[in-house]
Protein backbone atom coordinates (compact mmCIF):
# COMPACT_ATOMS: atom_id res chain seq x y z
CA MET A 1 8.86 1.74 19.92
CA SER A 2 6.56 0.13 22.50
CA ASN A 3 6.00 -3.57 22.15
CA ARG A 4 3.47 -5.56 24.13
CA THR A 5 1.88 -8.93 23.66
CA TRP A 6 -1.81 -8.99 24.44
CA ILE A 7 -3.00 -12.15 26.12
CA PRO A 8 -6.64 -11.98 27.08
CA PHE A 9 -6.45 -15.15 29.15
CA LEU A 10 -3.71 -17.30 30.68
CA ALA A 11 -4.27 -20.65 32.29
CA THR A 12 -4.66 -19.61 35.92
CA LEU A 13 -1.80 -20.42 38.29
CA GLY A 14 -3.08 -20.99 41.81
CA LEU A 15 -0.90 -20.08 44.76
CA ALA A 16 -0.03 -22.25 47.68
CA GLY A 17 -1.75 -21.44 50.96
CA ALA A 18 -0.30 -18.55 52.90
CA ALA A 19 2.57 -19.38 55.20
CA GLY A 20 1.50 -20.35 58.67
CA LEU A 21 -1.73 -22.15 57.74
CA SER A 22 -2.12 -25.52 59.45
CA ALA A 23 -1.89 -28.83 57.61
CA GLY A 24 -5.60 -29.28 58.20
CA CYS A 25 -6.51 -26.52 55.68
CA ASN A 26 -8.09 -27.39 52.33
CA ALA A 27 -5.76 -28.58 49.52
CA VAL A 28 -4.85 -26.13 46.75
CA GLU A 29 -7.48 -26.06 43.96
CA CYS A 30 -5.96 -25.60 40.48
CA ALA A 31 -7.75 -24.38 37.36
CA GLU A 32 -8.14 -26.50 34.26
CA GLY A 33 -4.90 -26.73 32.30
CA THR A 34 -2.77 -26.67 35.44
CA ILE A 35 -1.81 -29.19 38.09
CA GLU A 36 -0.74 -28.96 41.72
CA GLN A 37 2.97 -29.37 42.30
CA ASN A 38 4.64 -28.74 45.65
CA GLY A 39 1.72 -26.68 46.83
CA ALA A 40 1.46 -24.47 43.74
CA CYS A 41 -0.36 -24.66 40.40
CA VAL A 42 1.84 -25.11 37.34
CA PRO A 43 1.10 -25.77 33.65
CA ALA A 44 -0.17 -29.28 32.99
CA ASP A 45 2.15 -31.78 31.38
CA GLU A 46 -0.56 -33.03 29.06
CA VAL A 47 -2.55 -31.30 26.36
CA VAL A 48 -5.83 -29.88 27.64
CA ASP A 49 -8.97 -28.78 25.85
CA GLU A 50 -8.25 -25.64 23.80
CA ALA A 51 -11.62 -24.31 24.91
CA ASN A 52 -9.87 -23.32 28.12
CA CYS A 53 -8.05 -20.56 26.22
CA GLY A 54 -9.73 -17.19 25.85
CA GLU A 55 -10.59 -15.40 22.62
CA GLY A 56 -7.49 -14.40 20.65
CA THR A 57 -5.33 -17.07 22.27
CA MET A 58 -4.50 -20.69 21.64
CA LEU A 59 -2.96 -23.50 23.62
CA GLY A 60 0.83 -23.40 23.52
CA PRO A 61 3.26 -26.34 23.71
CA ASP A 62 3.81 -25.78 27.46
CA GLY A 63 0.16 -26.04 28.39
CA VAL A 64 -0.46 -22.29 28.72
CA CYS A 65 -2.49 -20.03 26.48
CA ILE A 66 -0.48 -17.87 24.09
CA PRO A 67 -1.62 -15.14 21.65
CA GLU A 68 -2.67 -16.15 18.13
CA LEU A 69 -1.42 -12.85 16.69
CA PRO A 70 2.01 -11.21 16.87
CA PRO A 71 2.57 -8.42 19.40
CA THR A 72 0.81 -5.14 18.78
CA ILE A 73 3.31 -2.38 17.96
CA CYS A 74 2.22 1.25 18.16
CA GLU A 75 4.25 3.77 16.21
CA GLU A 76 6.13 6.04 18.59
CA GLY A 77 5.30 9.71 18.22
CA THR A 78 2.24 9.17 16.03
CA THR A 79 0.09 6.66 17.94
CA THR A 80 -0.63 5.76 21.52
CA GLU A 81 -1.82 2.56 23.15
CA ASP A 82 -5.49 2.24 24.11
CA THR A 83 -6.25 -0.76 26.34
CA THR A 84 -9.71 0.33 27.52
CA THR A 85 -11.88 0.26 24.37
CA ILE A 86 -11.54 -3.54 24.09
CA PRO A 87 -10.39 -4.98 27.43
CA GLY A 88 -7.24 -7.04 27.02
CA VAL A 89 -6.57 -5.75 23.49
CA ILE A 90 -4.13 -2.99 22.53
CA LEU A 91 -5.43 -0.50 19.96
CA CYS A 92 -3.07 2.02 18.37
CA LYS A 93 -4.73 5.43 18.12
CA GLY A 94 -3.30 8.40 16.27
CA THR A 95 -2.11 11.29 18.37
CA GLY A 96 -1.78 13.87 15.60
CA GLY A 97 1.91 14.16 16.32
CA GLY A 98 4.90 13.01 14.32
CA THR A 99 5.74 14.14 10.80
CA CYS A 100 4.84 13.20 7.25
CA ASP A 101 8.35 11.83 6.68
CA SER A 102 7.80 8.54 8.49
CA GLU A 103 6.24 5.53 6.78
CA LEU A 104 3.06 3.82 7.90
CA THR A 105 3.34 0.32 9.30
CA CYS A 106 1.96 -2.07 6.68
CA PRO A 107 -0.04 -4.96 8.22
CA GLN A 108 0.56 -8.56 7.20
CA ALA A 109 -2.00 -9.86 4.71
CA ASP A 110 -4.00 -13.02 5.31
CA ALA A 111 -3.84 -16.03 3.01
CA SER A 112 -5.29 -15.22 -0.47
CA LYS A 113 -5.23 -11.53 0.44
CA VAL A 114 -2.82 -8.64 -0.23
CA SER A 115 -1.88 -5.58 1.82
CA VAL A 116 -0.60 -2.47 -0.01
CA CYS A 117 0.81 0.67 1.60
CA GLY A 118 2.41 3.69 -0.02
CA ARG A 119 2.19 7.36 -0.93
CA LEU A 120 0.65 9.61 -3.54
CA TYR A 121 2.93 11.48 -5.97
CA ASP A 122 2.40 14.07 -8.69
CA VAL A 123 3.32 12.69 -12.14
CA GLU A 124 4.80 15.94 -13.44
CA THR A 125 6.95 16.94 -10.46
CA ASP A 126 7.50 13.56 -8.75
CA GLU A 127 6.73 15.35 -5.49
CA GLN A 128 4.68 13.82 -2.71
CA LEU A 129 1.08 15.01 -2.44
CA ARG A 130 0.58 16.62 0.98
CA ALA A 131 -1.81 19.10 2.50
CA ALA A 132 -0.46 22.64 2.68
CA ALA A 133 -0.40 22.36 6.49
CA PRO A 134 -0.91 18.68 7.34
CA ASN A 135 -2.19 17.63 10.74
CA VAL A 136 -0.52 14.23 10.21
CA ALA A 137 -3.92 12.63 10.62
CA ASP A 138 -6.35 10.27 8.88
CA CYS A 139 -8.54 12.09 6.34
CA LEU A 140 -11.59 10.74 8.21
CA SER A 141 -10.30 11.77 11.64
CA GLY A 142 -8.92 15.27 11.65
CA GLY A 143 -6.82 15.33 8.48
CA ALA A 144 -6.47 18.67 6.68
CA ALA A 145 -9.18 18.95 4.04
CA ASP A 146 -6.96 19.93 1.11
CA GLY A 147 -4.51 17.86 -0.94
CA PRO A 148 -4.63 14.09 -0.40
CA CYS A 149 -7.90 14.28 1.52
CA GLU A 150 -9.56 15.53 -1.68
CA MET A 151 -8.48 12.34 -3.47
CA LYS A 152 -10.10 8.95 -3.92
CA ILE A 153 -8.04 5.74 -4.11
CA THR A 154 -9.74 2.65 -5.54
CA PHE A 155 -8.38 -0.88 -6.03
CA TYR A 156 -9.20 -3.18 -8.95
CA ASP A 157 -8.39 -6.35 -10.77
CA ALA A 158 -6.03 -4.58 -13.19
CA LEU A 159 -7.03 -6.67 -16.21
CA GLU A 160 -10.74 -6.10 -15.60
CA PHE A 161 -10.08 -2.37 -15.24
CA ALA A 162 -8.08 -2.27 -18.48
CA GLY A 163 -11.02 -3.78 -20.35
CA ASN A 164 -13.70 -1.61 -18.76
CA PRO A 165 -12.45 1.16 -16.46
CA SER A 166 -15.89 2.64 -15.79
CA GLY A 167 -17.51 -0.75 -15.11
CA ALA A 168 -14.79 -2.62 -13.23
CA THR A 169 -15.79 -3.82 -9.76
CA PRO A 170 -13.68 -2.23 -7.01
CA ILE A 171 -11.82 -4.49 -4.57
CA VAL A 172 -12.63 -3.23 -1.08
CA PRO A 173 -9.94 -3.68 1.60
CA GLN A 174 -10.78 -4.92 5.07
CA ASP A 175 -9.31 -1.71 6.48
CA PHE A 176 -8.22 1.47 4.69
CA LEU A 177 -6.49 4.68 5.71
CA LEU A 178 -5.53 7.79 3.74
CA ASP A 179 -3.97 10.70 5.62
CA ASP A 180 -3.18 14.33 4.83
CA CYS A 181 0.48 13.41 4.31
CA GLY A 182 -0.60 11.45 1.22
CA ARG A 183 0.15 8.09 2.86
CA PHE A 184 -2.29 5.23 2.41
CA ARG A 185 -2.74 1.75 3.86
CA ALA A 186 -5.02 -0.95 2.45
CA HIS A 187 -5.17 -4.15 4.50
CA ASN A 188 -6.45 -7.47 3.18
CA LEU A 189 -7.45 -6.81 -0.42
CA GLN A 190 -8.68 -9.91 -2.21
CA ARG A 191 -5.94 -10.98 -4.63
CA PRO A 192 -7.19 -10.87 -8.26
CA SER A 193 -7.47 -14.30 -9.85
CA LEU A 194 -4.72 -13.65 -12.39
CA GLY A 195 -2.57 -11.79 -9.90
CA PHE A 196 -2.53 -8.22 -11.30
CA LEU A 197 -3.68 -5.55 -8.86
CA GLY A 198 -4.54 -2.05 -10.06
CA ILE A 199 -4.86 1.24 -8.17
CA GLY A 200 -6.90 4.13 -9.55
CA VAL A 201 -6.47 7.67 -8.17
CA ASP A 202 -8.71 10.64 -8.94
CA ASP A 203 -10.43 13.58 -7.27
CA ASP A 204 -12.97 12.46 -4.71
CA ASP A 205 -16.64 12.93 -5.50
CA GLY A 206 -17.58 16.51 -4.70
CA SER A 207 -13.99 17.78 -4.77
CA PRO A 208 -12.78 20.28 -7.40
CA ASP A 209 -12.01 18.57 -10.71
CA VAL A 210 -8.26 19.21 -10.62
CA HIS A 211 -6.87 15.75 -11.44
CA ARG A 212 -7.53 13.04 -14.02
CA LEU A 213 -7.89 9.34 -13.37
CA THR A 214 -4.42 7.81 -13.10
CA GLY A 215 -3.71 4.11 -12.76
CA VAL A 216 -0.82 1.95 -11.65
CA ALA A 217 -0.69 -1.86 -11.71
CA PHE A 218 1.64 -4.63 -10.57
CA PRO A 219 1.65 -8.40 -9.98
CA VAL A 220 0.94 -9.67 -6.47
CA VAL A 221 1.04 -13.05 -4.73
CA SER A 222 -1.17 -14.38 -1.95
CA ALA A 223 -0.36 -13.11 1.55
CA GLU A 224 1.90 -10.40 0.09
CA THR A 225 2.51 -7.23 2.09
CA ARG A 226 3.64 -4.57 -0.39
CA ASN A 227 5.07 -1.45 1.22
CA ARG A 228 6.24 1.94 -0.12
CA GLN A 229 4.20 1.66 -3.31
CA LYS A 230 4.61 4.92 -5.25
CA THR A 231 1.18 5.75 -6.64
CA TYR A 232 0.80 8.61 -9.10
CA VAL A 233 -1.87 11.10 -10.12
CA VAL A 234 -1.81 13.65 -12.95
CA ARG A 235 -3.27 17.15 -12.83
CA GLU A 236 -5.54 18.20 -15.68
CA ALA A 237 -3.33 21.29 -16.17
CA THR A 238 -0.37 18.96 -16.78
CA ASN A 239 -2.38 16.82 -19.20
CA GLN A 240 -3.39 19.91 -21.20
CA ALA A 241 0.16 21.33 -21.28
CA TRP A 242 1.56 18.01 -22.58
CA SER A 243 -1.20 17.77 -25.16
CA ASP A 244 -0.57 21.31 -26.38
CA ASP A 245 3.16 20.58 -26.70
CA ALA A 246 2.35 17.49 -28.75
CA GLY A 247 -0.18 19.31 -30.94
CA LEU A 248 -2.99 16.90 -30.03
CA GLY A 249 -6.60 17.77 -30.74
CA THR A 250 -7.73 15.26 -28.13
CA SER A 251 -5.65 15.17 -24.95
CA PHE A 252 -3.43 12.31 -23.85
CA VAL A 253 -5.75 11.27 -21.02
CA ASP A 254 -8.92 11.54 -23.11
CA GLN A 255 -7.38 9.26 -25.73
CA GLY A 256 -5.82 7.03 -23.08
CA ALA A 257 -2.04 6.94 -22.66
CA PHE A 258 0.63 4.62 -21.32
CA MET A 259 3.43 6.50 -19.51
CA THR A 260 6.67 5.08 -18.20
CA VAL A 261 9.96 6.15 -16.68
CA PHE A 262 13.05 4.01 -17.34
CA HIS A 263 15.14 3.63 -14.18
CA GLY A 264 18.71 2.38 -13.96
CA ALA A 265 20.87 1.60 -10.93
CA GLY A 266 20.03 3.66 -7.88
CA ASP A 267 16.60 4.51 -9.33
CA VAL A 268 18.26 7.05 -11.66
CA PRO A 269 16.32 7.89 -14.89
CA VAL A 270 18.03 6.69 -18.08
CA GLU A 271 18.41 8.74 -21.26
CA GLY A 272 18.22 7.41 -24.83
CA VAL A 273 15.51 4.74 -24.38
CA GLN A 274 12.59 4.11 -26.74
CA ILE A 275 9.31 2.51 -25.65
CA THR A 276 8.56 -0.86 -27.25
CA GLU A 277 5.25 -2.66 -27.67
CA MET A 278 5.70 -6.41 -28.18
CA GLY A 279 9.35 -5.69 -28.98
CA SER A 280 8.69 -3.03 -31.63
CA VAL A 281 9.10 0.74 -31.57
CA GLU A 282 6.11 2.72 -32.87
CA ALA A 283 7.68 6.14 -33.33
CA GLY A 284 4.44 7.73 -34.55
CA ASN A 285 2.77 7.03 -31.19
CA ASP A 286 5.66 7.93 -28.85
CA TYR A 287 6.38 11.22 -27.11
CA TYR A 288 9.43 12.23 -25.04
CA PHE A 289 10.51 15.12 -22.82
CA SER A 290 13.19 17.81 -23.02
CA ASP A 291 13.27 18.74 -19.30
CA THR A 292 16.74 19.26 -17.84
CA ASP A 293 15.69 18.25 -14.31
CA PRO A 294 15.67 14.41 -14.04
CA ASN A 295 12.71 14.56 -11.63
CA THR A 296 10.51 16.86 -13.74
CA ARG A 297 8.22 15.81 -16.61
CA SER A 298 6.85 19.09 -17.93
CA THR A 299 7.80 19.69 -21.55
CA ILE A 300 7.18 17.32 -24.46
CA ASP A 301 9.53 17.90 -27.38
CA LEU A 302 8.43 16.61 -30.81
CA THR A 303 12.04 16.60 -32.02
CA LYS A 304 13.04 13.90 -29.52
CA ASN A 305 12.72 10.23 -30.47
CA SER A 306 13.93 8.74 -27.15
CA THR A 307 13.96 9.59 -23.46
CA GLY A 308 15.73 12.67 -22.16
CA VAL A 309 17.39 13.04 -18.77
CA ASN A 310 14.11 12.36 -16.98
CA GLY A 311 13.86 8.88 -18.58
CA ALA A 312 10.16 9.40 -19.33
CA GLY A 313 7.98 8.69 -22.34
CA ILE A 314 4.29 8.53 -23.24
CA LYS A 315 2.68 6.20 -25.76
CA LEU A 316 -0.71 6.36 -27.44
CA ASN A 317 -2.70 3.56 -29.11
CA SER A 318 -1.23 0.73 -27.03
CA ALA A 319 -2.95 -2.64 -26.90
CA LEU A 320 -2.97 -4.72 -23.69
CA VAL A 321 0.31 -6.50 -24.39
CA GLU A 322 3.91 -6.52 -23.17
CA HIS A 323 5.62 -3.13 -23.07
CA SER A 324 9.31 -2.58 -22.50
CA GLY A 325 12.13 -0.46 -23.89
CA THR A 326 15.23 -0.53 -26.05
CA GLY A 327 18.43 1.50 -25.69
CA GLY A 328 20.12 3.21 -22.79
CA GLY A 329 22.59 0.39 -22.27
CA CYS A 330 20.10 -1.84 -20.42
CA THR A 331 17.88 -4.83 -20.93
CA TRP A 332 14.53 -3.52 -19.72
CA GLU A 333 11.88 -5.41 -17.80
CA SER A 334 8.72 -6.18 -19.76
CA ALA A 335 5.18 -6.09 -18.40
CA LEU A 336 1.59 -5.76 -19.55
CA ALA A 337 0.41 -2.24 -20.24
CA ALA A 338 -2.22 -0.47 -22.32
CA SER A 339 -3.56 2.93 -23.27
CA ILE A 340 -7.02 3.05 -21.68
CA PRO A 341 -9.41 5.85 -22.71
CA THR A 342 -9.84 8.55 -20.02
CA VAL A 343 -6.90 7.11 -18.02
CA LEU A 344 -3.19 7.86 -17.71
CA PHE A 345 -1.61 4.47 -16.99
CA PHE A 346 1.74 5.02 -15.26
CA SER A 347 4.07 2.03 -15.11
CA PRO A 348 7.86 2.47 -14.64
CA ARG A 349 10.40 0.00 -16.10
CA GLU A 350 13.62 -1.10 -14.40
CA CYS A 351 16.99 -2.03 -15.88
CA GLN A 352 17.52 -5.80 -15.54
């Protein structure tokens, strides 16, 4: 990795006169913030006016100007340093190289803000969403047009979204990136007042209507930088197959469904767990899977009354209250969830 500190301006250090000049030459002239010592300019011993420091720097304890921000780090193999667009500032520009297997660097959030970085995954297969032949590039700057670049990611106050998904006001990040590897980076989102951030994923406007609106939500604190956030989206074909298995006249997503996966140690799905709403099981509203692959969620089985080997379950008719689980040899975390019409709300639960 390359690592440089950008310092647009340092308090100037004058040099002593060249050797051989006579004693009658003019004395050394030192810039503000420095003093003459033994014929050379050195940092002043007293605090000077911070106005002497250039933009992006501040006065340090030794009387010299130091950067306000941490060093710029460009990701090796995927970005290169550009020092010409803004003189004195390092910009990291994508090169189109590298692979989809690396993670994006997630920038530190400012006070009262949140940064979130992660990837898109398919709910049914738990596989990463990627273009068929990714260029490893930003969707707006050379990314392959298929796959993730056909998606739209929107951020919300999760509680506002739960009450009115079509009318909730999006939270717009200061900077956003989505690439054809399915990686995204949202820098400096305003933290919701009650601390629950939601992410909605759906087909972008104008793209084929292949997916349905899928939401995830989680609590955040001010200045939090949240990395490797798994963010899911469901295909309409998956929604219809589940609904047919369950014998529903109106599909899961059209009704609004809460979906979870119960994870034990090592992120392994746990069998034999029932979904609870405010501590109670509502068997008439719960649906579980009979898949034999722990990472696949394809086949709903009406004979099952608890999770199979994939640890997954879907619940209809959920109010916006605490949802957890019972069984499987664990005490399960509890968090707010709801079934929101036209949305699949995906929210995993961990063994405590």
